[in-house]
Amino acid sequence: MTQHLPTIPANGFLRLNQVLQFIPIGKTAWYAGIKEGRFPKPIQLSARTAVYRAQDIAALIDKISQGQGAA
């Protein structure tokens, strides 16, 4: 049995629930990180729809994995 692991697309957008599959923190911590400037700001597509650029999330993961933290 193989397990399907999510992957970040090369470009496009991710919703918050998709982002949190790659960055294992809670929503409150994510929003605090945005406010502090550690995480990328969302793009508002409509009043109730926010997305994140896939490239920004991939860059954040690379930064964290290189030991630079999310600052």
Protein backbone atom coordinates (compact mmCIF):
# COMPACT_ATOMS: atom_id res chain seq x y z
CA MET A 1 0.00 0.00 0.00
CA THR A 2 1.45 3.36 -1.01
CA GLN A 3 0.72 6.55 0.83
CA HIS A 4 -0.13 9.61 -1.26
CA LEU A 5 1.91 12.54 0.02
CA PRO A 6 0.89 16.06 -0.95
CA THR A 7 3.25 18.06 -3.13
CA ILE A 8 3.53 21.78 -3.70
CA PRO A 9 2.81 22.77 -7.30
CA ALA A 10 5.53 24.70 -9.14
CA ASN A 11 3.20 27.67 -9.43
CA GLY A 12 -0.37 28.50 -8.59
CA PHE A 13 -2.20 29.07 -5.36
CA LEU A 14 -2.85 27.15 -2.15
CA ARG A 15 -5.67 27.57 0.36
CA LEU A 16 -4.76 27.69 4.05
CA ASN A 17 -5.77 24.08 4.73
CA GLN A 18 -3.35 23.01 1.97
CA VAL A 19 -0.54 25.19 3.36
CA LEU A 20 -0.96 23.65 6.80
CA GLN A 21 -0.36 20.18 5.33
CA PHE A 22 3.23 21.32 4.67
CA ILE A 23 3.76 23.63 7.66
CA PRO A 24 2.50 21.65 10.68
CA ILE A 25 1.21 24.44 12.90
CA GLY A 26 -2.24 25.63 13.88
CA LYS A 27 -4.20 28.40 12.21
CA THR A 28 -3.70 30.76 15.14
CA ALA A 29 0.09 30.33 14.98
CA TRP A 30 -0.01 30.79 11.20
CA TYR A 31 -1.93 34.06 11.45
CA ALA A 32 0.40 35.28 14.21
CA GLY A 33 3.36 34.50 11.92
CA ILE A 34 1.77 36.57 9.14
CA LYS A 35 1.23 39.47 11.53
CA GLU A 36 4.87 39.24 12.70
CA GLY A 37 6.15 39.08 9.11
CA ARG A 38 7.52 35.52 9.38
CA PHE A 39 5.03 33.99 6.93
CA PRO A 40 3.78 35.28 3.56
CA LYS A 41 0.65 37.40 3.44
CA PRO A 42 -2.39 35.96 1.70
CA ILE A 43 -3.85 37.21 -1.55
CA GLN A 44 -7.55 38.05 -1.22
CA LEU A 45 -9.46 36.66 -4.21
CA SER A 46 -12.81 37.67 -2.75
CA ALA A 47 -14.28 38.75 0.58
CA ARG A 48 -14.20 35.17 1.87
CA THR A 49 -11.40 33.59 -0.18
CA ALA A 50 -7.70 33.99 0.56
CA VAL A 51 -4.88 32.08 -1.11
CA TYR A 52 -1.10 31.86 -0.87
CA ARG A 53 1.33 31.73 -3.78
CA ALA A 54 2.76 28.21 -4.05
CA GLN A 55 6.21 29.69 -4.75
CA ASP A 56 6.09 31.66 -1.47
CA ILE A 57 5.23 28.54 0.53
CA ALA A 58 7.98 26.51 -1.19
CA ALA A 59 10.49 29.28 -0.43
CA LEU A 60 9.39 29.36 3.22
CA ILE A 61 9.85 25.59 3.52
CA ASP A 62 13.32 25.84 1.94
CA LYS A 63 14.24 28.62 4.36
CA ILE A 64 13.07 26.63 7.37
CA SER A 65 14.78 23.43 6.20
CA GLN A 66 18.08 25.28 5.83
CA GLY A 67 17.93 26.15 9.51
CA GLN A 68 17.15 29.81 8.98
CA GLY A 69 13.84 29.59 10.81
CA ALA A 70 10.79 31.48 9.68
CA ALA A 71 12.07 34.92 10.67
